Amino acid sequence: MLAVQTISSAWLLILVSGCLEILFSICLKYSDGFNKPLYSIIAIVSAALSLWLMSLSLKLIPIGTAYAVWAGIGAAGTAIVGLLMFGESVSMLRLVAISMVIIGIVMLQLFA
């Protein structure tokens, strides 16, 4: 079992967990409604790993902070991937909104 003994290791788990959340979102899109087995399996496994790693971080980080950072990484990361990989529309307001999410994540880490 993975042991979380330091606050920095807990934050690292949240970072990895958030990245797995991004992978989950990408594979969910490519799974075509769970009709493509490989992408479907990767989506399910990455979602499960993401939740498991985030749950381990809760031993040292308050749940509200951990969840907000985890969800923020997933949301901002997925939005950025949408812009870069899927050609989603880019507007100044959208970039400002993504930046605000990222700033919020950093502030939560600094003041947790």
PDB file of N, CA and C in Angstrom:
ATOM      1  N   MET A   1       0.853  -1.181   0.000  1.00  0.00           N
ATOM      2  CA  MET A   1       0.000   0.000   0.000  1.00  0.00           C
ATOM      3  C   MET A   1       0.894   1.239   0.000  1.00  0.00           C
ATOM      4  N   LEU A   2       0.484   2.229  -0.721  1.00  0.00           N
ATOM      5  CA  LEU A   2       1.213   3.482  -0.830  1.00  0.00           C
ATOM      6  C   LEU A   2       1.015   4.299   0.445  1.00  0.00           C
ATOM      7  N   ALA A   3       2.108   4.682   1.095  1.00  0.00           N
ATOM      8  CA  ALA A   3       2.023   5.447   2.334  1.00  0.00           C
ATOM      9  C   ALA A   3       2.262   6.920   2.053  1.00  0.00           C
ATOM     10  N   VAL A   4       1.419   7.755   2.630  1.00  0.00           N
ATOM     11  CA  VAL A   4       1.551   9.201   2.494  1.00  0.00           C
ATOM     12  C   VAL A   4       2.017   9.723   3.842  1.00  0.00           C
ATOM     13  N   GLN A   5       3.287  10.168   3.876  1.00  0.00           N
ATOM     14  CA  GLN A   5       3.847  10.563   5.159  1.00  0.00           C
ATOM     15  C   GLN A   5       4.193  12.042   5.242  1.00  0.00           C
ATOM     16  N   THR A   6       4.306  12.703   4.112  1.00  0.00           N
ATOM     17  CA  THR A   6       4.639  14.126   4.123  1.00  0.00           C
ATOM     18  C   THR A   6       3.615  14.908   3.315  1.00  0.00           C
ATOM     19  N   ILE A   7       3.491  16.173   3.645  1.00  0.00           N
ATOM     20  CA  ILE A   7       2.554  17.027   2.931  1.00  0.00           C
ATOM     21  C   ILE A   7       2.954  17.173   1.470  1.00  0.00           C
ATOM     22  N   SER A   8       4.259  17.184   1.192  1.00  0.00           N
ATOM     23  CA  SER A   8       4.686  17.306  -0.204  1.00  0.00           C
ATOM     24  C   SER A   8       4.321  16.058  -1.000  1.00  0.00           C
ATOM     25  N   SER A   9       4.379  14.879  -0.378  1.00  0.00           N
ATOM     26  CA  SER A   9       3.962  13.666  -1.094  1.00  0.00           C
ATOM     27  C   SER A   9       2.457  13.665  -1.319  1.00  0.00           C
ATOM     28  N   ALA A  10       1.694  14.219  -0.382  1.00  0.00           N
ATOM     29  CA  ALA A  10       0.241  14.315  -0.553  1.00  0.00           C
ATOM     30  C   ALA A  10      -0.091  15.254  -1.715  1.00  0.00           C
ATOM     31  N   TRP A  11       0.618  16.379  -1.806  1.00  0.00           N
ATOM     32  CA  TRP A  11       0.388  17.305  -2.926  1.00  0.00           C
ATOM     33  C   TRP A  11       0.796  16.673  -4.250  1.00  0.00           C
ATOM     34  N   LEU A  12       1.854  15.893  -4.240  1.00  0.00           N
ATOM     35  CA  LEU A  12       2.278  15.202  -5.456  1.00  0.00           C
ATOM     36  C   LEU A  12       1.195  14.216  -5.910  1.00  0.00           C
ATOM     37  N   LEU A  13       0.586  13.526  -4.952  1.00  0.00           N
ATOM     38  CA  LEU A  13      -0.496  12.610  -5.295  1.00  0.00           C
ATOM     39  C   LEU A  13      -1.677  13.344  -5.918  1.00  0.00           C
ATOM     40  N   ILE A  14      -1.990  14.524  -5.397  1.00  0.00           N
ATOM     41  CA  ILE A  14      -3.091  15.295  -5.977  1.00  0.00           C
ATOM     42  C   ILE A  14      -2.738  15.746  -7.388  1.00  0.00           C
ATOM     43  N   LEU A  15      -1.486  16.147  -7.599  1.00  0.00           N
ATOM     44  CA  LEU A  15      -1.053  16.552  -8.939  1.00  0.00           C
ATOM     45  C   LEU A  15      -1.180  15.389  -9.928  1.00  0.00           C
ATOM     46  N   VAL A  16      -0.671  14.229  -9.549  1.00  0.00           N
ATOM     47  CA  VAL A  16      -0.759  13.054 -10.423  1.00  0.00           C
ATOM     48  C   VAL A  16      -2.225  12.673 -10.627  1.00  0.00           C
ATOM     49  N   SER A  17      -2.998  12.727  -9.569  1.00  0.00           N
ATOM     50  CA  SER A  17      -4.414  12.407  -9.646  1.00  0.00           C
ATOM     51  C   SER A  17      -5.150  13.351 -10.601  1.00  0.00           C
ATOM     52  N   GLY A  18      -4.810  14.633 -10.539  1.00  0.00           N
ATOM     53  CA  GLY A  18      -5.409  15.602 -11.458  1.00  0.00           C
ATOM     54  C   GLY A  18      -5.025  15.333 -12.900  1.00  0.00           C
ATOM     55  N   CYS A  19      -3.782  14.931 -13.128  1.00  0.00           N
ATOM     56  CA  CYS A  19      -3.341  14.586 -14.485  1.00  0.00           C
ATOM     57  C   CYS A  19      -4.067  13.344 -15.000  1.00  0.00           C
ATOM     58  N   LEU A  20      -4.312  12.387 -14.113  1.00  0.00           N
ATOM     59  CA  LEU A  20      -5.100  11.213 -14.499  1.00  0.00           C
ATOM     60  C   LEU A  20      -6.537  11.600 -14.831  1.00  0.00           C
ATOM     61  N   GLU A  21      -7.034  12.614 -14.166  1.00  0.00           N
ATOM     62  CA  GLU A  21      -8.378  13.120 -14.464  1.00  0.00           C
ATOM     63  C   GLU A  21      -8.433  13.697 -15.879  1.00  0.00           C
ATOM     64  N   ILE A  22      -7.359  14.372 -16.280  1.00  0.00           N
ATOM     65  CA  ILE A  22      -7.267  14.894 -17.648  1.00  0.00           C
ATOM     66  C   ILE A  22      -7.226  13.736 -18.646  1.00  0.00           C
ATOM     67  N   LEU A  23      -6.411  12.724 -18.347  1.00  0.00           N
ATOM     68  CA  LEU A  23      -6.336  11.544 -19.207  1.00  0.00           C
ATOM     69  C   LEU A  23      -7.707  10.882 -19.327  1.00  0.00           C
ATOM     70  N   PHE A  24      -8.411  10.774 -18.213  1.00  0.00           N
ATOM     71  CA  PHE A  24      -9.757  10.220 -18.210  1.00  0.00           C
ATOM     72  C   PHE A  24     -10.658  10.974 -19.182  1.00  0.00           C
ATOM     73  N   SER A  25     -10.617  12.312 -19.124  1.00  0.00           N
ATOM     74  CA  SER A  25     -11.472  13.124 -19.984  1.00  0.00           C
ATOM     75  C   SER A  25     -11.146  12.925 -21.464  1.00  0.00           C
ATOM     76  N   ILE A  26      -9.857  12.888 -21.770  1.00  0.00           N
ATOM     77  CA  ILE A  26      -9.437  12.694 -23.161  1.00  0.00           C
ATOM     78  C   ILE A  26      -9.918  11.330 -23.670  1.00  0.00           C
ATOM     79  N   CYS A  27      -9.681  10.294 -22.881  1.00  0.00           N
ATOM     80  CA  CYS A  27     -10.084   8.945 -23.298  1.00  0.00           C
ATOM     81  C   CYS A  27     -11.598   8.804 -23.359  1.00  0.00           C
ATOM     82  N   LEU A  28     -12.291   9.531 -22.496  1.00  0.00           N
ATOM     83  CA  LEU A  28     -13.743   9.510 -22.534  1.00  0.00           C
ATOM     84  C   LEU A  28     -14.236  10.038 -23.876  1.00  0.00           C
ATOM     85  N   LYS A  29     -13.620  11.107 -24.361  1.00  0.00           N
ATOM     86  CA  LYS A  29     -13.987  11.646 -25.673  1.00  0.00           C
ATOM     87  C   LYS A  29     -13.676  10.642 -26.777  1.00  0.00           C
ATOM     88  N   TYR A  30     -12.472  10.066 -26.730  1.00  0.00           N
ATOM     89  CA  TYR A  30     -12.066   9.109 -27.761  1.00  0.00           C
ATOM     90  C   TYR A  30     -12.813   7.777 -27.686  1.00  0.00           C
ATOM     91  N   SER A  31     -13.430   7.484 -26.540  1.00  0.00           N
ATOM     92  CA  SER A  31     -14.127   6.203 -26.384  1.00  0.00           C
ATOM     93  C   SER A  31     -15.409   6.122 -27.211  1.00  0.00           C
ATOM     94  N   ASP A  32     -15.865   7.258 -27.711  1.00  0.00           N
ATOM     95  CA  ASP A  32     -17.068   7.293 -28.548  1.00  0.00           C
ATOM     96  C   ASP A  32     -18.251   6.658 -27.811  1.00  0.00           C
ATOM     97  N   GLY A  33     -18.521   7.191 -26.614  1.00  0.00           N
ATOM     98  CA  GLY A  33     -19.645   6.664 -25.831  1.00  0.00           C
ATOM     99  C   GLY A  33     -19.403   5.258 -25.327  1.00  0.00           C
ATOM    100  N   PHE A  34     -18.157   4.952 -24.992  1.00  0.00           N
ATOM    101  CA  PHE A  34     -17.731   3.625 -24.532  1.00  0.00           C
ATOM    102  C   PHE A  34     -17.925   2.551 -25.609  1.00  0.00           C
ATOM    103  N   ASN A  35     -17.824   2.963 -26.864  1.00  0.00           N
ATOM    104  CA  ASN A  35     -17.913   2.005 -27.974  1.00  0.00           C
ATOM    105  C   ASN A  35     -16.548   1.539 -28.462  1.00  0.00           C
ATOM    106  N   LYS A  36     -15.478   2.204 -28.024  1.00  0.00           N
ATOM    107  CA  LYS A  36     -14.127   1.797 -28.396  1.00  0.00           C
ATOM    108  C   LYS A  36     -13.463   1.238 -27.146  1.00  0.00           C
ATOM    109  N   PRO A  37     -13.253  -0.086 -27.112  1.00  0.00           N
ATOM    110  CA  PRO A  37     -12.799  -0.757 -25.887  1.00  0.00           C
ATOM    111  C   PRO A  37     -11.502  -0.221 -25.294  1.00  0.00           C
ATOM    112  N   LEU A  38     -10.480   0.020 -26.101  1.00  0.00           N
ATOM    113  CA  LEU A  38      -9.200   0.453 -25.546  1.00  0.00           C
ATOM    114  C   LEU A  38      -9.342   1.782 -24.812  1.00  0.00           C
ATOM    115  N   TYR A  39      -9.948   2.758 -25.464  1.00  0.00           N
ATOM    116  CA  TYR A  39     -10.129   4.064 -24.823  1.00  0.00           C
ATOM    117  C   TYR A  39     -11.070   3.973 -23.629  1.00  0.00           C
ATOM    118  N   SER A  40     -12.060   3.121 -23.712  1.00  0.00           N
ATOM    119  CA  SER A  40     -12.990   2.932 -22.598  1.00  0.00           C
ATOM    120  C   SER A  40     -12.270   2.375 -21.380  1.00  0.00           C
ATOM    121  N   ILE A  41     -11.423   1.374 -21.597  1.00  0.00           N
ATOM    122  CA  ILE A  41     -10.671   0.769 -20.486  1.00  0.00           C
ATOM    123  C   ILE A  41      -9.712   1.780 -19.880  1.00  0.00           C
ATOM    124  N   ILE A  42      -8.995   2.530 -20.722  1.00  0.00           N
ATOM    125  CA  ILE A  42      -8.065   3.535 -20.207  1.00  0.00           C
ATOM    126  C   ILE A  42      -8.824   4.597 -19.420  1.00  0.00           C
ATOM    127  N   ALA A  43      -9.987   4.993 -19.904  1.00  0.00           N
ATOM    128  CA  ALA A  43     -10.795   5.991 -19.194  1.00  0.00           C
ATOM    129  C   ALA A  43     -11.191   5.477 -17.808  1.00  0.00           C
ATOM    130  N   ILE A  44     -11.680   4.263 -17.744  1.00  0.00           N
ATOM    131  CA  ILE A  44     -12.141   3.703 -16.466  1.00  0.00           C
ATOM    132  C   ILE A  44     -10.976   3.521 -15.496  1.00  0.00           C
ATOM    133  N   VAL A  45      -9.863   2.989 -15.982  1.00  0.00           N
ATOM    134  CA  VAL A  45      -8.697   2.769 -15.117  1.00  0.00           C
ATOM    135  C   VAL A  45      -8.126   4.103 -14.630  1.00  0.00           C
ATOM    136  N   SER A  46      -8.015   5.083 -15.523  1.00  0.00           N
ATOM    137  CA  SER A  46      -7.454   6.372 -15.103  1.00  0.00           C
ATOM    138  C   SER A  46      -8.378   7.072 -14.108  1.00  0.00           C
ATOM    139  N   ALA A  47      -9.687   6.948 -14.281  1.00  0.00           N
ATOM    140  CA  ALA A  47     -10.622   7.537 -13.318  1.00  0.00           C
ATOM    141  C   ALA A  47     -10.482   6.868 -11.952  1.00  0.00           C
ATOM    142  N   ALA A  48     -10.402   5.541 -11.945  1.00  0.00           N
ATOM    143  CA  ALA A  48     -10.267   4.813 -10.676  1.00  0.00           C
ATOM    144  C   ALA A  48      -8.953   5.157  -9.979  1.00  0.00           C
ATOM    145  N   LEU A  49      -7.858   5.182 -10.740  1.00  0.00           N
ATOM    146  CA  LEU A  49      -6.562   5.553 -10.152  1.00  0.00           C
ATOM    147  C   LEU A  49      -6.574   6.982  -9.631  1.00  0.00           C
ATOM    148  N   SER A  50      -7.198   7.865 -10.381  1.00  0.00           N
ATOM    149  CA  SER A  50      -7.287   9.263  -9.964  1.00  0.00           C
ATOM    150  C   SER A  50      -7.991   9.381  -8.613  1.00  0.00           C
ATOM    151  N   LEU A  51      -9.123   8.715  -8.487  1.00  0.00           N
ATOM    152  CA  LEU A  51      -9.873   8.767  -7.226  1.00  0.00           C
ATOM    153  C   LEU A  51      -9.089   8.125  -6.085  1.00  0.00           C
ATOM    154  N   TRP A  52      -8.431   7.020  -6.361  1.00  0.00           N
ATOM    155  CA  TRP A  52      -7.665   6.331  -5.318  1.00  0.00           C
ATOM    156  C   TRP A  52      -6.516   7.207  -4.819  1.00  0.00           C
ATOM    157  N   LEU A  53      -5.748   7.789  -5.751  1.00  0.00           N
ATOM    158  CA  LEU A  53      -4.625   8.634  -5.337  1.00  0.00           C
ATOM    159  C   LEU A  53      -5.102   9.869  -4.579  1.00  0.00           C
ATOM    160  N   MET A  54      -6.204  10.464  -5.048  1.00  0.00           N
ATOM    161  CA  MET A  54      -6.727  11.619  -4.339  1.00  0.00           C
ATOM    162  C   MET A  54      -7.173  11.233  -2.934  1.00  0.00           C
ATOM    163  N   SER A  55      -7.766  10.053  -2.799  1.00  0.00           N
ATOM    164  CA  SER A  55      -8.217   9.616  -1.470  1.00  0.00           C
ATOM    165  C   SER A  55      -7.038   9.436  -0.512  1.00  0.00           C
ATOM    166  N   LEU A  56      -5.895   9.004  -1.035  1.00  0.00           N
ATOM    167  CA  LEU A  56      -4.718   8.846  -0.183  1.00  0.00           C
ATOM    168  C   LEU A  56      -4.210  10.191   0.331  1.00  0.00           C
ATOM    169  N   SER A  57      -4.334  11.213  -0.496  1.00  0.00           N
ATOM    170  CA  SER A  57      -3.859  12.545  -0.087  1.00  0.00           C
ATOM    171  C   SER A  57      -4.684  13.111   1.059  1.00  0.00           C
ATOM    172  N   LEU A  58      -5.916  12.606   1.221  1.00  0.00           N
ATOM    173  CA  LEU A  58      -6.807  13.134   2.254  1.00  0.00           C
ATOM    174  C   LEU A  58      -6.334  12.814   3.665  1.00  0.00           C
ATOM    175  N   LYS A  59      -5.319  11.959   3.776  1.00  0.00           N
ATOM    176  CA  LYS A  59      -4.756  11.682   5.099  1.00  0.00           C
ATOM    177  C   LYS A  59      -4.065  12.910   5.671  1.00  0.00           C
ATOM    178  N   LEU A  60      -3.579  13.805   4.785  1.00  0.00           N
ATOM    179  CA  LEU A  60      -2.823  14.970   5.245  1.00  0.00           C
ATOM    180  C   LEU A  60      -3.372  16.319   4.780  1.00  0.00           C
ATOM    181  N   ILE A  61      -4.215  16.313   3.769  1.00  0.00           N
ATOM    182  CA  ILE A  61      -4.730  17.570   3.228  1.00  0.00           C
ATOM    183  C   ILE A  61      -6.235  17.619   3.479  1.00  0.00           C
ATOM    184  N   PRO A  62      -6.751  18.770   3.931  1.00  0.00           N
ATOM    185  CA  PRO A  62      -8.196  18.882   4.171  1.00  0.00           C
ATOM    186  C   PRO A  62      -8.996  18.562   2.904  1.00  0.00           C
ATOM    187  N   ILE A  63     -10.127  17.907   3.070  1.00  0.00           N
ATOM    188  CA  ILE A  63     -10.912  17.426   1.933  1.00  0.00           C
ATOM    189  C   ILE A  63     -11.357  18.557   1.004  1.00  0.00           C
ATOM    190  N   GLY A  64     -11.771  19.685   1.557  1.00  0.00           N
ATOM    191  CA  GLY A  64     -12.215  20.801   0.719  1.00  0.00           C
ATOM    192  C   GLY A  64     -11.102  21.323  -0.167  1.00  0.00           C
ATOM    193  N   THR A  65      -9.922  21.445   0.391  1.00  0.00           N
ATOM    194  CA  THR A  65      -8.765  21.924  -0.363  1.00  0.00           C
ATOM    195  C   THR A  65      -8.344  20.889  -1.395  1.00  0.00           C
ATOM    196  N   ALA A  66      -8.242  19.630  -0.973  1.00  0.00           N
ATOM    197  CA  ALA A  66      -7.809  18.563  -1.887  1.00  0.00           C
ATOM    198  C   ALA A  66      -8.767  18.442  -3.065  1.00  0.00           C
ATOM    199  N   TYR A  67     -10.059  18.434  -2.782  1.00  0.00           N
ATOM    200  CA  TYR A  67     -11.034  18.270  -3.853  1.00  0.00           C
ATOM    201  C   TYR A  67     -11.014  19.460  -4.812  1.00  0.00           C
ATOM    202  N   ALA A  68     -10.917  20.665  -4.264  1.00  0.00           N
ATOM    203  CA  ALA A  68     -10.904  21.860  -5.119  1.00  0.00           C
ATOM    204  C   ALA A  68      -9.685  21.865  -6.035  1.00  0.00           C
ATOM    205  N   VAL A  69      -8.525  21.506  -5.506  1.00  0.00           N
ATOM    206  CA  VAL A  69      -7.311  21.473  -6.320  1.00  0.00           C
ATOM    207  C   VAL A  69      -7.406  20.356  -7.365  1.00  0.00           C
ATOM    208  N   TRP A  70      -7.843  19.188  -6.952  1.00  0.00           N
ATOM    209  CA  TRP A  70      -7.989  18.050  -7.863  1.00  0.00           C
ATOM    210  C   TRP A  70      -8.952  18.384  -9.001  1.00  0.00           C
ATOM    211  N   ALA A  71     -10.103  18.920  -8.652  1.00  0.00           N
ATOM    212  CA  ALA A  71     -11.098  19.270  -9.671  1.00  0.00           C
ATOM    213  C   ALA A  71     -10.591  20.411 -10.555  1.00  0.00           C
ATOM    214  N   GLY A  72      -9.882  21.356  -9.959  1.00  0.00           N
ATOM    215  CA  GLY A  72      -9.340  22.474 -10.728  1.00  0.00           C
ATOM    216  C   GLY A  72      -8.295  22.033 -11.740  1.00  0.00           C
ATOM    217  N   ILE A  73      -7.421  21.133 -11.311  1.00  0.00           N
ATOM    218  CA  ILE A  73      -6.414  20.594 -12.239  1.00  0.00           C
ATOM    219  C   ILE A  73      -7.120  19.886 -13.395  1.00  0.00           C
ATOM    220  N   GLY A  74      -8.098  19.065 -13.063  1.00  0.00           N
ATOM    221  CA  GLY A  74      -8.840  18.357 -14.099  1.00  0.00           C
ATOM    222  C   GLY A  74      -9.582  19.299 -15.025  1.00  0.00           C
ATOM    223  N   ALA A  75     -10.244  20.304 -14.462  1.00  0.00           N
ATOM    224  CA  ALA A  75     -11.035  21.232 -15.280  1.00  0.00           C
ATOM    225  C   ALA A  75     -10.145  22.110 -16.151  1.00  0.00           C
ATOM    226  N   ALA A  76      -9.147  22.737 -15.544  1.00  0.00           N
ATOM    227  CA  ALA A  76      -8.264  23.625 -16.313  1.00  0.00           C
ATOM    228  C   ALA A  76      -7.459  22.818 -17.330  1.00  0.00           C
ATOM    229  N   GLY A  77      -6.939  21.680 -16.904  1.00  0.00           N
ATOM    230  CA  GLY A  77      -6.155  20.845 -17.806  1.00  0.00           C
ATOM    231  C   GLY A  77      -6.971  20.345 -18.980  1.00  0.00           C
ATOM    232  N   THR A  78      -8.191  19.920 -18.712  1.00  0.00           N
ATOM    233  CA  THR A  78      -9.052  19.439 -19.789  1.00  0.00           C
ATOM    234  C   THR A  78      -9.433  20.581 -20.727  1.00  0.00           C
ATOM    235  N   ALA A  79      -9.672  21.757 -20.177  1.00  0.00           N
ATOM    236  CA  ALA A  79      -9.985  22.917 -21.022  1.00  0.00           C
ATOM    237  C   ALA A  79      -8.805  23.260 -21.932  1.00  0.00           C
ATOM    238  N   ILE A  80      -7.601  23.204 -21.385  1.00  0.00           N
ATOM    239  CA  ILE A  80      -6.397  23.490 -22.184  1.00  0.00           C
ATOM    240  C   ILE A  80      -6.212  22.429 -23.265  1.00  0.00           C
ATOM    241  N   VAL A  81      -6.421  21.159 -22.908  1.00  0.00           N
ATOM    242  CA  VAL A  81      -6.330  20.081 -23.892  1.00  0.00           C
ATOM    243  C   VAL A  81      -7.379  20.287 -24.992  1.00  0.00           C
ATOM    244  N   GLY A  82      -8.565  20.712 -24.607  1.00  0.00           N
ATOM    245  CA  GLY A  82      -9.607  20.985 -25.594  1.00  0.00           C
ATOM    246  C   GLY A  82      -9.184  22.046 -26.592  1.00  0.00           C
ATOM    247  N   LEU A  83      -8.510  23.067 -26.090  1.00  0.00           N
ATOM    248  CA  LEU A  83      -8.025  24.126 -26.976  1.00  0.00           C
ATOM    249  C   LEU A  83      -6.930  23.620 -27.904  1.00  0.00           C
ATOM    250  N   LEU A  84      -5.986  22.860 -27.344  1.00  0.00           N
ATOM    251  CA  LEU A  84      -4.809  22.445 -28.103  1.00  0.00           C
ATOM    252  C   LEU A  84      -5.035  21.228 -28.994  1.00  0.00           C
ATOM    253  N   MET A  85      -5.781  20.238 -28.510  1.00  0.00           N
ATOM    254  CA  MET A  85      -5.929  18.977 -29.247  1.00  0.00           C
ATOM    255  C   MET A  85      -7.201  18.894 -30.081  1.00  0.00           C
ATOM    256  N   PHE A  86      -8.257  19.554 -29.601  1.00  0.00           N
ATOM    257  CA  PHE A  86      -9.549  19.374 -30.235  1.00  0.00           C
ATOM    258  C   PHE A  86     -10.054  20.624 -30.940  1.00  0.00           C
ATOM    259  N   GLY A  87      -9.218  21.639 -31.010  1.00  0.00           N
ATOM    260  CA  GLY A  87      -9.562  22.840 -31.756  1.00  0.00           C
ATOM    261  C   GLY A  87     -10.764  23.597 -31.225  1.00  0.00           C
ATOM    262  N   GLU A  88     -10.984  23.522 -29.914  1.00  0.00           N
ATOM    263  CA  GLU A  88     -12.094  24.273 -29.332  1.00  0.00           C
ATOM    264  C   GLU A  88     -11.804  25.767 -29.430  1.00  0.00           C
ATOM    265  N   SER A  89     -12.847  26.558 -29.434  1.00  0.00           N
ATOM    266  CA  SER A  89     -12.691  27.994 -29.659  1.00  0.00           C
ATOM    267  C   SER A  89     -11.881  28.653 -28.543  1.00  0.00           C
ATOM    268  N   VAL A  90     -11.046  29.586 -28.969  1.00  0.00           N
ATOM    269  CA  VAL A  90     -10.206  30.348 -28.044  1.00  0.00           C
ATOM    270  C   VAL A  90     -10.738  31.770 -28.008  1.00  0.00           C
ATOM    271  N   SER A  91     -11.029  32.239 -26.813  1.00  0.00           N
ATOM    272  CA  SER A  91     -11.410  33.640 -26.652  1.00  0.00           C
ATOM    273  C   SER A  91     -10.670  34.181 -25.440  1.00  0.00           C
ATOM    274  N   MET A  92     -10.532  35.476 -25.381  1.00  0.00           N
ATOM    275  CA  MET A  92      -9.845  36.092 -24.251  1.00  0.00           C
ATOM    276  C   MET A  92     -10.569  35.776 -22.951  1.00  0.00           C
ATOM    277  N   LEU A  93     -11.882  35.816 -22.966  1.00  0.00           N
ATOM    278  CA  LEU A  93     -12.649  35.530 -21.755  1.00  0.00           C
ATOM    279  C   LEU A  93     -12.430  34.091 -21.287  1.00  0.00           C
ATOM    280  N   ARG A  94     -12.369  33.165 -22.221  1.00  0.00           N
ATOM    281  CA  ARG A  94     -12.121  31.758 -21.870  1.00  0.00           C
ATOM    282  C   ARG A  94     -10.726  31.585 -21.275  1.00  0.00           C
ATOM    283  N   LEU A  95      -9.730  32.234 -21.859  1.00  0.00           N
ATOM    284  CA  LEU A  95      -8.367  32.160 -21.332  1.00  0.00           C
ATOM    285  C   LEU A  95      -8.272  32.789 -19.943  1.00  0.00           C
ATOM    286  N   VAL A  96      -8.991  33.875 -19.724  1.00  0.00           N
ATOM    287  CA  VAL A  96      -9.013  34.509 -18.401  1.00  0.00           C
ATOM    288  C   VAL A  96      -9.648  33.560 -17.390  1.00  0.00           C
ATOM    289  N   ALA A  97     -10.737  32.905 -17.768  1.00  0.00           N
ATOM    290  CA  ALA A  97     -11.412  31.975 -16.856  1.00  0.00           C
ATOM    291  C   ALA A  97     -10.507  30.804 -16.480  1.00  0.00           C
ATOM    292  N   ILE A  98      -9.812  30.240 -17.475  1.00  0.00           N
ATOM    293  CA  ILE A  98      -8.878  29.146 -17.193  1.00  0.00           C
ATOM    294  C   ILE A  98      -7.756  29.638 -16.280  1.00  0.00           C
ATOM    295  N   SER A  99      -7.258  30.835 -16.538  1.00  0.00           N
ATOM    296  CA  SER A  99      -6.201  31.412 -15.699  1.00  0.00           C
ATOM    297  C   SER A  99      -6.674  31.601 -14.264  1.00  0.00           C
ATOM    298  N   MET A 100      -7.922  31.991 -14.099  1.00  0.00           N
ATOM    299  CA  MET A 100      -8.462  32.178 -12.742  1.00  0.00           C
ATOM    300  C   MET A 100      -8.525  30.851 -11.991  1.00  0.00           C
ATOM    301  N   VAL A 101      -8.879  29.788 -12.690  1.00  0.00           N
ATOM    302  CA  VAL A 101      -8.897  28.462 -12.054  1.00  0.00           C
ATOM    303  C   VAL A 101      -7.483  28.096 -11.603  1.00  0.00           C
ATOM    304  N   ILE A 102      -6.504  28.307 -12.474  1.00  0.00           N
ATOM    305  CA  ILE A 102      -5.108  27.989 -12.144  1.00  0.00           C
ATOM    306  C   ILE A 102      -4.625  28.826 -10.976  1.00  0.00           C
ATOM    307  N   ILE A 103      -4.946  30.114 -10.968  1.00  0.00           N
ATOM    308  CA  ILE A 103      -4.564  30.988  -9.845  1.00  0.00           C
ATOM    309  C   ILE A 103      -5.209  30.496  -8.556  1.00  0.00           C
ATOM    310  N   GLY A 104      -6.458  30.078  -8.636  1.00  0.00           N
ATOM    311  CA  GLY A 104      -7.141  29.544  -7.462  1.00  0.00           C
ATOM    312  C   GLY A 104      -6.471  28.286  -6.927  1.00  0.00           C
ATOM    313  N   ILE A 105      -6.030  27.413  -7.827  1.00  0.00           N
ATOM    314  CA  ILE A 105      -5.330  26.195  -7.415  1.00  0.00           C
ATOM    315  C   ILE A 105      -4.047  26.545  -6.681  1.00  0.00           C
ATOM    316  N   VAL A 106      -3.274  27.464  -7.246  1.00  0.00           N
ATOM    317  CA  VAL A 106      -2.021  27.875  -6.610  1.00  0.00           C
ATOM    318  C   VAL A 106      -2.284  28.486  -5.243  1.00  0.00           C
ATOM    319  N   MET A 107      -3.292  29.330  -5.143  1.00  0.00           N
ATOM    320  CA  MET A 107      -3.602  29.965  -3.850  1.00  0.00           C
ATOM    321  C   MET A 107      -4.026  28.927  -2.804  1.00  0.00           C
ATOM    322  N   LEU A 108      -4.813  27.940  -3.224  1.00  0.00           N
ATOM    323  CA  LEU A 108      -5.204  26.890  -2.282  1.00  0.00           C
ATOM    324  C   LEU A 108      -3.998  26.111  -1.775  1.00  0.00           C
ATOM    325  N   GLN A 109      -3.038  25.863  -2.663  1.00  0.00           N
ATOM    326  CA  GLN A 109      -1.837  25.147  -2.239  1.00  0.00           C
ATOM    327  C   GLN A 109      -0.998  25.993  -1.291  1.00  0.00           C
ATOM    328  N   LEU A 110      -0.932  27.278  -1.547  1.00  0.00           N
ATOM    329  CA  LEU A 110      -0.123  28.157  -0.699  1.00  0.00           C
ATOM    330  C   LEU A 110      -0.733  28.368   0.685  1.00  0.00           C
ATOM    331  N   PHE A 111      -2.050  28.389   0.762  1.00  0.00           N
ATOM    332  CA  PHE A 111      -2.702  28.753   2.013  1.00  0.00           C
ATOM    333  C   PHE A 111      -3.446  27.611   2.682  1.00  0.00           C
ATOM    334  N   ALA A 112      -3.187  26.372   2.250  1.00  0.00           N
ATOM    335  CA  ALA A 112      -3.853  25.213   2.864  1.00  0.00           C
ATOM    336  C   ALA A 112      -3.287  24.913   4.233  1.00  0.00           C
TER     337      ALA A 112
END
